[in-house]
N, C-alpha and C. Protein backbone atom coordinates (compact mmCIF):
# COMPACT_ATOMS: atom_id res chain seq x y z
N MET A 1 43.48 111.64 60.15
CA MET A 1 44.19 111.93 61.17
C MET A 1 45.56 111.53 60.81
N PRO A 2 45.74 110.44 59.52
CA PRO A 2 46.75 110.19 59.31
C PRO A 2 47.76 111.86 58.29
N ARG A 3 47.06 112.82 58.14
CA ARG A 3 48.45 114.21 58.18
C ARG A 3 48.95 114.65 59.71
N VAL A 4 48.21 113.96 60.89
CA VAL A 4 49.09 114.89 62.06
C VAL A 4 50.42 113.97 62.26
N SER A 5 50.65 113.15 61.69
CA SER A 5 51.55 112.11 62.41
C SER A 5 52.83 112.68 61.55
N PRO A 6 52.92 113.54 59.91
CA PRO A 6 53.76 113.84 59.53
C PRO A 6 54.41 115.32 59.84
N ILE A 7 53.38 116.18 60.22
CA ILE A 7 53.12 117.42 60.76
C ILE A 7 54.37 117.25 62.05
N LEU A 8 53.75 116.41 63.47
CA LEU A 8 54.41 116.17 64.50
C LEU A 8 55.79 116.24 64.12
N SER A 9 56.07 115.12 63.04
CA SER A 9 57.24 114.72 62.89
C SER A 9 58.31 115.46 62.59
N LYS A 10 57.48 116.44 61.60
CA LYS A 10 58.57 117.85 60.71
C LYS A 10 58.47 118.82 62.30
N GLY A 11 57.82 118.86 63.22
CA GLY A 11 58.01 119.83 64.59
C GLY A 11 58.76 119.26 65.23
N LEU A 12 59.24 118.32 65.40
CA LEU A 12 59.78 117.18 66.20
C LEU A 12 61.07 117.68 65.34
N LYS A 13 61.46 117.45 64.38
CA LYS A 13 62.47 117.73 63.78
C LYS A 13 62.81 119.36 63.60
N ALA A 14 62.32 120.12 63.82
CA ALA A 14 62.71 121.66 63.80
C ALA A 14 62.94 121.75 64.90
N ILE A 15 62.46 121.30 65.96
CA ILE A 15 62.85 121.56 67.69
C ILE A 15 64.26 120.35 67.78
N GLU A 16 64.41 119.87 67.25
CA GLU A 16 65.96 119.29 67.40
C GLU A 16 66.58 119.78 66.75
N ASP A 17 66.71 120.49 65.36
CA ASP A 17 67.47 121.62 64.79
C ASP A 17 68.16 122.94 65.16
N LEU A 18 66.85 123.45 66.35
CA LEU A 18 66.81 124.23 67.07
C LEU A 18 68.29 124.01 68.59
N ASN A 19 67.37 122.85 68.90
CA ASN A 19 68.19 122.74 70.24
C ASN A 19 70.18 122.42 69.77
N LEU A 20 70.21 121.73 68.18
CA LEU A 20 71.35 121.71 67.82
C LEU A 20 71.84 122.73 67.28
N LEU A 21 71.35 123.54 66.65
CA LEU A 21 71.76 125.20 66.58
C LEU A 21 72.17 126.17 67.50
N LYS A 22 71.78 125.71 68.47
CA LYS A 22 71.55 126.20 70.30
C LYS A 22 72.92 125.98 70.64
N ILE A 23 73.31 124.76 70.78
CA ILE A 23 74.32 124.54 71.38
C ILE A 23 75.73 124.74 70.18
N LEU A 24 75.80 124.74 68.75
CA LEU A 24 76.37 124.83 68.28
C LEU A 24 77.00 126.22 67.72
N HIS A 25 75.87 127.29 68.23
CA HIS A 25 76.18 129.16 68.78
C HIS A 25 76.84 128.91 70.14
N SER A 26 76.72 128.24 71.06
CA SER A 26 77.23 128.27 72.09
C SER A 26 78.87 127.73 72.44
N GLU A 27 79.10 126.77 71.24
CA GLU A 27 79.92 126.35 71.36
C GLU A 27 80.92 127.22 70.70
N ILE A 28 80.54 127.81 69.16
CA ILE A 28 81.17 128.76 68.82
C ILE A 28 81.88 130.32 69.73
N ASN A 29 80.32 130.32 70.70
CA ASN A 29 80.93 131.83 71.56
C ASN A 29 81.92 131.43 72.45
N HIS A 30 81.95 129.97 73.17
CA HIS A 30 82.72 129.58 74.13
C HIS A 30 84.31 129.63 73.54
N GLU A 31 84.54 129.14 72.38
CA GLU A 31 85.87 128.93 71.75
C GLU A 31 85.96 130.95 70.89
N LEU A 32 85.26 131.54 70.93
CA LEU A 32 85.95 132.96 70.46
C LEU A 32 86.36 133.98 71.78
N SER A 33 85.66 133.76 72.95
CA SER A 33 85.42 134.23 73.72
C SER A 33 86.96 133.87 74.56
N SER A 34 87.37 132.38 74.19
CA SER A 34 88.22 131.91 74.92
C SER A 34 89.65 132.26 75.04
N ASN A 35 90.69 132.53 76.04
CA ASN A 35 91.79 133.44 75.58
C ASN A 35 92.78 132.55 75.84
N ARG A 36 92.61 131.31 75.71
CA ARG A 36 93.71 130.24 75.88
C ARG A 36 94.96 130.55 74.77
N PHE A 37 94.94 130.68 73.71
CA PHE A 37 95.95 131.36 72.55
C PHE A 37 96.31 132.29 72.49
N GLN A 38 96.30 133.40 73.62
CA GLN A 38 97.01 134.96 73.62
C GLN A 38 97.97 134.79 74.22
N SER A 39 99.06 135.87 73.35
CA SER A 39 100.18 136.19 73.72
C SER A 39 100.71 137.30 73.55
N ASN A 40 101.90 138.12 73.87
CA ASN A 40 102.49 139.56 73.38
C ASN A 40 102.85 139.21 71.98
N GLN A 41 103.74 137.87 71.98
CA GLN A 41 104.51 137.74 70.44
C GLN A 41 103.69 137.83 69.19
N SER A 42 103.80 138.80 68.22
CA SER A 42 103.16 139.27 67.14
C SER A 42 104.07 138.61 66.18
N GLY A 43 104.83 138.11 66.36
CA GLY A 43 105.60 137.48 64.90
C GLY A 43 106.70 136.42 65.14
N PRO A 44 106.97 135.62 63.70
CA PRO A 44 108.56 134.46 64.24
C PRO A 44 109.34 135.26 64.78
N LEU A 45 110.59 134.68 65.26
CA LEU A 45 111.28 135.22 65.76
C LEU A 45 112.64 134.73 65.43
N GLU A 46 113.45 134.94 66.01
CA GLU A 46 115.14 134.63 65.27
C GLU A 46 115.59 134.95 63.92
N GLY A 47 114.69 135.87 63.60
CA GLY A 47 114.78 136.13 61.60
C GLY A 47 114.07 135.16 60.99
N PHE A 48 112.91 134.27 61.64
CA PHE A 48 112.88 133.32 60.67
C PHE A 48 111.26 134.70 60.19
N GLU A 49 111.13 133.76 58.93
CA GLU A 49 109.71 134.57 57.93
C GLU A 49 108.84 133.62 57.75
N VAL A 50 107.67 133.33 57.77
CA VAL A 50 106.66 132.57 57.42
C VAL A 50 106.46 132.27 55.97
N GLU A 51 107.12 131.02 55.55
CA GLU A 51 106.99 130.60 53.98
C GLU A 51 105.51 130.54 53.91
N TYR A 52 104.93 129.52 54.27
CA TYR A 52 103.37 128.42 54.15
C TYR A 52 103.06 128.70 54.94
N ASP A 53 101.91 129.07 55.10
CA ASP A 53 100.74 129.25 55.94
C ASP A 53 99.02 129.17 55.69
N ALA A 54 98.87 128.22 54.94
CA ALA A 54 97.74 127.97 54.27
C ALA A 54 96.28 128.03 55.67
N PRO A 55 95.45 128.56 55.41
CA PRO A 55 94.52 128.61 56.35
C PRO A 55 93.64 127.04 56.33
N GLN A 56 93.63 126.52 55.69
CA GLN A 56 93.38 125.24 55.05
C GLN A 56 93.80 124.19 55.82
N SER A 57 95.32 124.49 55.49
CA SER A 57 96.63 123.61 56.26
C SER A 57 96.47 123.09 57.71
N GLN A 58 97.33 122.39 57.92
CA GLN A 58 97.38 121.87 59.56
C GLN A 58 98.63 122.34 59.67
N ASP A 59 99.96 122.91 58.94
CA ASP A 59 101.02 122.70 59.08
C ASP A 59 101.41 124.61 58.73
N VAL A 60 102.57 124.45 58.84
CA VAL A 60 103.22 125.98 58.48
C VAL A 60 104.78 125.82 58.06
N VAL A 61 105.48 126.63 57.65
CA VAL A 61 106.84 126.35 57.41
C VAL A 61 107.73 127.79 57.39
N LEU A 62 108.72 127.88 58.28
CA LEU A 62 109.38 128.94 58.20
C LEU A 62 110.56 128.58 57.71
N ARG A 63 110.87 130.01 57.31
CA ARG A 63 112.20 129.77 56.59
C ARG A 63 113.43 131.16 57.14
N LYS A 64 114.70 130.98 57.12
CA LYS A 64 115.61 132.21 57.38
C LYS A 64 116.71 132.13 56.94
N LYS A 65 117.45 133.12 55.91
CA LYS A 65 118.56 132.88 55.85
C LYS A 65 120.18 133.32 56.54
N CYS A 66 120.92 132.82 57.00
CA CYS A 66 121.89 132.79 57.86
C CYS A 66 122.50 133.56 57.48
N GLU A 67 123.44 134.28 58.20
CA GLU A 67 125.11 135.50 58.01
C GLU A 67 125.77 134.57 57.06
N SER A 68 125.79 133.33 57.30
CA SER A 68 126.71 131.98 56.43
C SER A 68 126.40 131.89 55.00
N GLY A 69 124.93 132.45 54.85
CA GLY A 69 124.46 131.93 53.55
C GLY A 69 122.94 130.82 53.59
N GLU A 70 124.05 129.63 54.97
CA GLU A 70 122.89 128.58 54.91
C GLU A 70 121.49 129.62 54.81
N GLU A 71 120.62 128.66 54.55
CA GLU A 71 119.58 128.49 54.59
C GLU A 71 118.45 127.91 55.55
N VAL A 72 117.93 127.81 56.44
CA VAL A 72 116.92 127.08 56.93
C VAL A 72 115.89 127.04 57.22
N ALA A 73 114.84 126.10 57.17
CA ALA A 73 113.68 125.90 56.66
C ALA A 73 113.34 125.12 58.02
N VAL A 74 112.41 125.63 58.76
CA VAL A 74 111.32 124.65 60.14
C VAL A 74 110.30 124.24 59.12
N SER A 75 109.76 123.39 59.56
CA SER A 75 108.58 122.62 59.10
C SER A 75 107.93 121.96 60.19
N ALA A 76 106.24 122.68 60.68
CA ALA A 76 105.62 122.14 62.21
C ALA A 76 104.48 121.96 61.74
N LEU A 77 104.25 121.05 62.52
CA LEU A 77 102.43 120.78 62.39
C LEU A 77 101.84 120.19 63.81
N LEU A 78 101.07 120.38 64.01
CA LEU A 78 100.32 119.98 65.54
C LEU A 78 99.71 118.72 65.51
N GLY A 79 100.53 118.02 66.79
CA GLY A 79 99.69 116.39 66.59
C GLY A 79 98.81 116.58 67.52
N PRO A 80 98.34 115.29 67.89
CA PRO A 80 97.21 115.06 68.60
C PRO A 80 97.50 115.13 69.92
N GLU A 81 98.46 114.73 70.49
CA GLU A 81 98.62 114.83 72.10
C GLU A 81 99.42 116.40 72.26
N THR A 82 100.37 116.46 71.31
CA THR A 82 101.87 117.32 71.74
C THR A 82 101.96 118.04 70.30
N PHE A 83 102.75 118.76 70.06
CA PHE A 83 103.89 119.41 69.17
C PHE A 83 104.56 119.10 68.52
N ALA A 84 104.01 118.06 67.41
CA ALA A 84 104.99 117.26 66.36
C ALA A 84 105.29 117.97 65.65
N ARG A 85 106.73 118.09 65.55
CA ARG A 85 107.19 118.21 64.24
C ARG A 85 108.31 117.58 63.38
N GLU A 86 108.75 118.07 62.43
CA GLU A 86 109.61 116.97 62.23
C GLU A 86 111.23 117.27 62.30
N VAL A 87 111.09 117.87 62.84
CA VAL A 87 112.59 118.80 63.64
C VAL A 87 112.81 118.88 64.79
N VAL A 88 111.40 119.13 65.57
CA VAL A 88 111.44 119.85 66.78
C VAL A 88 109.76 119.40 67.10
N GLU A 89 109.83 118.72 68.50
CA GLU A 89 108.35 118.57 69.25
C GLU A 89 108.58 119.39 70.39
N LYS A 90 107.72 120.37 70.88
CA LYS A 90 107.64 120.98 72.15
C LYS A 90 106.54 120.28 73.25
N GLN A 91 107.13 119.88 74.37
CA GLN A 91 106.07 119.04 75.08
C GLN A 91 105.42 120.50 75.97
N VAL A 92 104.57 119.73 76.64
CA VAL A 92 104.18 121.03 78.16
C VAL A 92 105.10 121.81 78.15
N SER A 93 106.10 121.40 78.97
CA SER A 93 107.39 122.25 80.08
C SER A 93 108.07 122.76 78.63
N SER A 94 109.04 124.38 79.24
CA SER A 94 109.50 125.41 78.37
C SER A 94 110.36 124.63 77.57
N GLU A 95 111.04 123.49 77.62
CA GLU A 95 112.23 122.90 77.20
C GLU A 95 111.42 122.44 75.63
N PHE A 96 112.48 121.95 74.72
CA PHE A 96 111.50 121.53 73.70
C PHE A 96 112.58 120.06 73.51
N TYR A 97 111.79 118.94 72.81
CA TYR A 97 112.52 117.61 72.42
C TYR A 97 112.31 117.52 70.63
N ILE A 98 113.36 117.07 70.68
CA ILE A 98 114.05 116.93 68.78
C ILE A 98 113.13 115.14 68.48
N GLN A 99 112.17 115.22 68.02
CA GLN A 99 112.00 114.09 67.71
C GLN A 99 112.78 113.22 66.91
N ASN A 100 112.63 113.82 65.69
CA ASN A 100 113.44 113.71 64.41
C ASN A 100 114.08 114.92 63.60
N ALA A 101 115.62 114.60 62.88
CA ALA A 101 116.18 115.51 62.23
C ALA A 101 116.75 114.97 60.93
N HIS A 102 116.17 115.62 59.87
CA HIS A 102 117.20 115.17 58.93
C HIS A 102 117.49 116.43 58.15
N TYR A 103 118.18 116.38 56.90
CA TYR A 103 118.57 117.35 56.00
C TYR A 103 117.60 117.52 54.44
N LEU A 104 117.06 118.73 54.16
CA LEU A 104 116.23 118.49 53.13
C LEU A 104 116.84 119.61 52.23
N GLN A 105 117.10 118.78 50.56
CA GLN A 105 117.98 120.31 49.82
C GLN A 105 117.04 120.88 49.16
N SER A 106 117.16 122.24 49.73
CA SER A 106 116.47 123.32 49.56
C SER A 106 115.28 122.87 48.68
N SER A 107 114.22 122.62 49.41
CA SER A 107 112.99 122.23 49.25
C SER A 107 112.01 122.07 50.51
N PRO A 108 110.84 122.84 50.70
CA PRO A 108 110.06 122.94 51.79
C PRO A 108 109.27 121.49 51.62
N CYS A 109 109.31 120.48 51.22
CA CYS A 109 108.53 119.04 51.02
C CYS A 109 109.44 118.17 50.78
N PRO A 110 109.94 117.22 51.23
CA PRO A 110 110.81 116.07 50.91
C PRO A 110 109.35 115.02 50.27
N ARG A 111 110.26 114.36 49.54
CA ARG A 111 109.93 113.45 48.31
C ARG A 111 109.21 112.76 49.52
N PRO A 112 108.52 111.65 49.44
CA PRO A 112 107.37 110.94 50.29
C PRO A 112 108.28 109.77 50.57
N THR A 113 109.19 109.23 49.60
CA THR A 113 110.32 108.43 49.43
C THR A 113 111.60 108.56 50.68
N ALA A 114 111.39 109.83 50.67
CA ALA A 114 113.31 109.74 51.28
C ALA A 114 113.12 109.82 52.60
N TYR A 115 114.33 109.47 53.33
CA TYR A 115 114.69 108.60 54.60
C TYR A 115 114.72 109.76 55.10
N ARG A 116 114.14 109.64 56.52
CA ARG A 116 114.58 110.35 57.68
C ARG A 116 115.33 110.57 58.18
N GLY A 117 115.83 109.49 58.30
CA GLY A 117 116.88 109.37 59.52
C GLY A 117 116.27 108.31 61.11
N PRO A 118 117.05 108.25 61.90
CA PRO A 118 116.35 107.09 63.20
C PRO A 118 115.84 108.30 64.01
N ILE A 119 114.97 107.60 64.64
CA ILE A 119 114.30 107.94 65.99
C ILE A 119 115.47 108.91 66.77
N PHE A 120 115.00 110.02 66.67
CA PHE A 120 116.42 111.14 67.61
C PHE A 120 116.93 110.35 68.83
N CYS A 121 116.03 109.61 69.84
CA CYS A 121 116.41 109.46 71.09
C CYS A 121 117.34 108.19 70.91
N THR A 122 117.50 107.20 69.94
CA THR A 122 117.75 106.21 69.28
C THR A 122 119.71 107.10 69.17
N LEU A 123 119.60 107.86 68.96
CA LEU A 123 120.85 108.24 68.77
C LEU A 123 122.08 108.26 70.09
N ASP A 124 123.55 108.11 69.34
CA ASP A 124 124.16 108.20 70.35
C ASP A 124 124.33 109.38 71.62
N PRO A 125 123.97 109.18 72.56
CA PRO A 125 123.84 110.78 73.45
C PRO A 125 125.06 111.93 73.14
N GLN A 126 126.25 111.69 72.61
CA GLN A 126 126.80 112.95 72.21
C GLN A 126 126.30 113.64 70.93
N LEU A 127 125.99 112.68 70.05
CA LEU A 127 125.53 113.23 69.34
C LEU A 127 124.34 113.87 69.12
N GLN A 128 123.31 113.08 70.17
CA GLN A 128 121.99 114.19 70.05
C GLN A 128 122.74 115.90 70.53
N GLU A 129 123.24 115.57 71.72
CA GLU A 129 123.79 116.63 72.24
C GLU A 129 124.16 117.97 71.32
N SER A 130 125.12 117.55 70.30
CA SER A 130 125.82 117.91 69.31
C SER A 130 124.82 118.70 67.93
N LEU A 131 123.90 117.51 68.14
CA LEU A 131 122.71 118.74 67.24
C LEU A 131 121.46 119.61 67.27
N GLU A 132 121.28 119.12 69.04
CA GLU A 132 120.99 120.16 69.73
C GLU A 132 121.71 121.67 69.65
N GLU A 133 123.00 121.70 69.96
CA GLU A 133 124.02 122.79 69.54
C GLU A 133 123.45 123.45 68.15
N TYR A 134 123.97 123.11 67.16
CA TYR A 134 123.89 122.77 66.24
C TYR A 134 122.28 123.63 65.83
N LEU A 135 121.10 123.33 66.03
CA LEU A 135 119.86 123.45 66.16
C LEU A 135 119.40 125.01 66.78
N LEU A 136 120.20 124.95 67.67
CA LEU A 136 120.34 125.98 68.75
C LEU A 136 121.00 127.30 67.87
N ALA A 137 122.43 127.18 67.40
CA ALA A 137 122.79 128.29 66.91
C ALA A 137 122.05 128.43 65.66
N ARG A 138 121.29 128.28 65.27
CA ARG A 138 120.56 128.83 64.09
C ARG A 138 119.12 128.72 64.58
N GLY A 139 119.07 129.63 65.75
CA GLY A 139 117.65 129.43 66.38
C GLY A 139 116.45 129.06 66.13
N ILE A 140 117.30 127.79 66.38
CA ILE A 140 115.88 127.00 66.39
C ILE A 140 116.08 126.40 68.17
N GLY A 141 115.00 127.00 68.67
CA GLY A 141 115.12 126.77 70.58
C GLY A 141 114.02 127.29 71.10
N GLU A 142 113.58 127.04 72.77
CA GLU A 142 112.66 127.27 73.52
C GLU A 142 112.03 128.42 72.52
N LYS A 143 112.47 129.49 72.47
CA LYS A 143 111.68 130.71 72.21
C LYS A 143 110.87 130.90 70.25
N LEU A 144 111.67 129.77 69.58
CA LEU A 144 110.39 129.65 68.72
C LEU A 144 109.94 128.32 68.19
N THR A 145 109.93 127.43 69.01
CA THR A 145 108.86 126.26 69.59
C THR A 145 108.17 127.16 70.48
N ASN A 146 108.32 127.85 70.98
CA ASN A 146 107.02 128.65 72.29
C ASN A 146 105.93 129.43 70.59
N PHE A 147 106.73 130.08 69.85
CA PHE A 147 106.00 130.59 68.88
C PHE A 147 105.19 129.82 68.19
N LEU A 148 105.49 128.43 67.88
CA LEU A 148 105.00 127.30 66.76
C LEU A 148 104.01 127.27 67.64
N LEU A 149 104.33 126.14 68.85
CA LEU A 149 103.25 126.31 69.46
C LEU A 149 102.01 126.81 69.60
N LEU A 150 102.49 128.34 69.95
CA LEU A 150 101.02 128.87 70.06
C LEU A 150 100.52 129.73 68.78
N HIS A 151 101.10 129.81 67.83
CA HIS A 151 100.68 129.85 66.46
C HIS A 151 99.56 128.59 65.92
N LEU A 152 100.16 127.49 65.97
CA LEU A 152 99.03 126.51 65.58
C LEU A 152 98.23 126.03 66.41
N HIS A 153 98.15 126.61 67.41
CA HIS A 153 96.91 126.14 68.69
C HIS A 153 95.97 127.48 68.37
N LYS A 154 96.68 128.13 68.02
CA LYS A 154 95.42 129.60 67.07
C LYS A 154 95.34 129.37 66.01
N LYS A 155 96.21 128.37 64.80
CA LYS A 155 95.18 128.09 63.34
C LYS A 155 94.38 126.72 63.75
N GLU A 156 94.12 126.06 65.01
CA GLU A 156 93.46 124.67 64.94
C GLU A 156 92.20 125.52 65.52
N LEU A 157 92.69 126.63 66.47
CA LEU A 157 91.25 126.60 66.86
C LEU A 157 90.73 127.73 66.23
N ASP A 158 91.48 128.61 64.92
CA ASP A 158 90.36 129.10 64.00
C ASP A 158 89.92 127.99 62.80
N GLN A 159 90.47 126.91 62.83
CA GLN A 159 89.93 125.86 61.85
C GLN A 159 88.51 125.04 62.39
N TYR A 160 88.86 125.11 63.76
CA TYR A 160 87.48 124.42 64.29
C TYR A 160 86.29 125.00 64.17
N VAL A 161 86.44 126.50 64.77
CA VAL A 161 85.38 127.57 64.30
C VAL A 161 84.87 127.82 62.91
N ASN A 162 85.79 127.55 62.34
CA ASN A 162 85.24 127.35 61.14
C ASN A 162 84.57 126.47 60.34
N TRP A 163 84.64 125.48 61.00
CA TRP A 163 84.01 123.78 60.72
C TRP A 163 82.61 123.65 61.49
N LEU A 164 82.87 124.61 63.02
CA LEU A 164 81.31 124.68 63.69
C LEU A 164 80.08 125.90 62.82
N ARG A 165 81.16 126.60 62.10
CA ARG A 165 80.36 127.75 61.43
C ARG A 165 79.30 127.00 59.70
N THR A 166 80.72 125.74 59.55
CA THR A 166 79.94 125.41 58.26
C THR A 166 78.73 124.64 58.75
N LEU A 167 78.97 123.74 60.09
CA LEU A 167 78.14 122.93 60.52
C LEU A 167 76.91 123.36 60.68
N VAL A 168 77.18 124.96 61.03
CA VAL A 168 75.49 125.59 61.44
C VAL A 168 74.78 126.00 60.09
N SER A 169 75.51 126.76 58.95
CA SER A 169 75.25 126.61 57.96
C SER A 169 74.14 125.58 57.16
N PHE A 170 74.55 124.14 57.51
CA PHE A 170 74.16 123.28 57.05
C PHE A 170 72.89 122.47 57.60
N VAL A 171 73.27 122.48 58.78
CA VAL A 171 71.77 122.78 59.21
C VAL A 171 70.58 123.66 59.50
N GLU A 172 71.08 124.91 59.25
CA GLU A 172 69.91 125.79 58.76
C GLU A 172 69.47 125.80 57.51
N LYS A 173 70.57 125.64 56.77
CA LYS A 173 69.78 125.06 54.96
C LYS A 173 68.77 123.31 54.96
N ASP A 174 69.30 122.85 55.86
CA ASP A 174 68.35 121.44 55.97
C ASP A 174 67.40 121.83 56.80
N GLY A 175 66.83 123.03 57.41
CA GLY A 175 65.60 122.75 58.42
C GLY A 175 64.25 123.44 57.54
């Protein structure tokens, strides 16, 4: 009877794997059937074009050229609880909140040692208001931050579903 134990062990493992696969497929179906991040907006607003949006990255970079010849780049990243960005942070409300703003000289990525300036809320209130007006005049406002928030949530959902599918493949091959 020593052979019964390995056979029962394999059978138990197969049942556990099937249960895990069932739960994984259920989670994938739930995420795909959810309409949490559906919107009528189909593209960036205010003249911004998507410059960088790799499927495996967590960020997106938008850029536009103003009539004045000035070029504006917006780098956005979805944070753990809020939509954290280097320029604008979108809260759950319909207004946007500036966390930090800094100037980048013709490059979408700053050097790691580049000074990014102080936390925005520590600046003089008059300077904060002037910077907000400056950003709004360049199309960085509520419409753009709403678009970015929706886009980044959709992107995160796609990455999560791909991760679940990879996990399903691993469990199926392991079994």
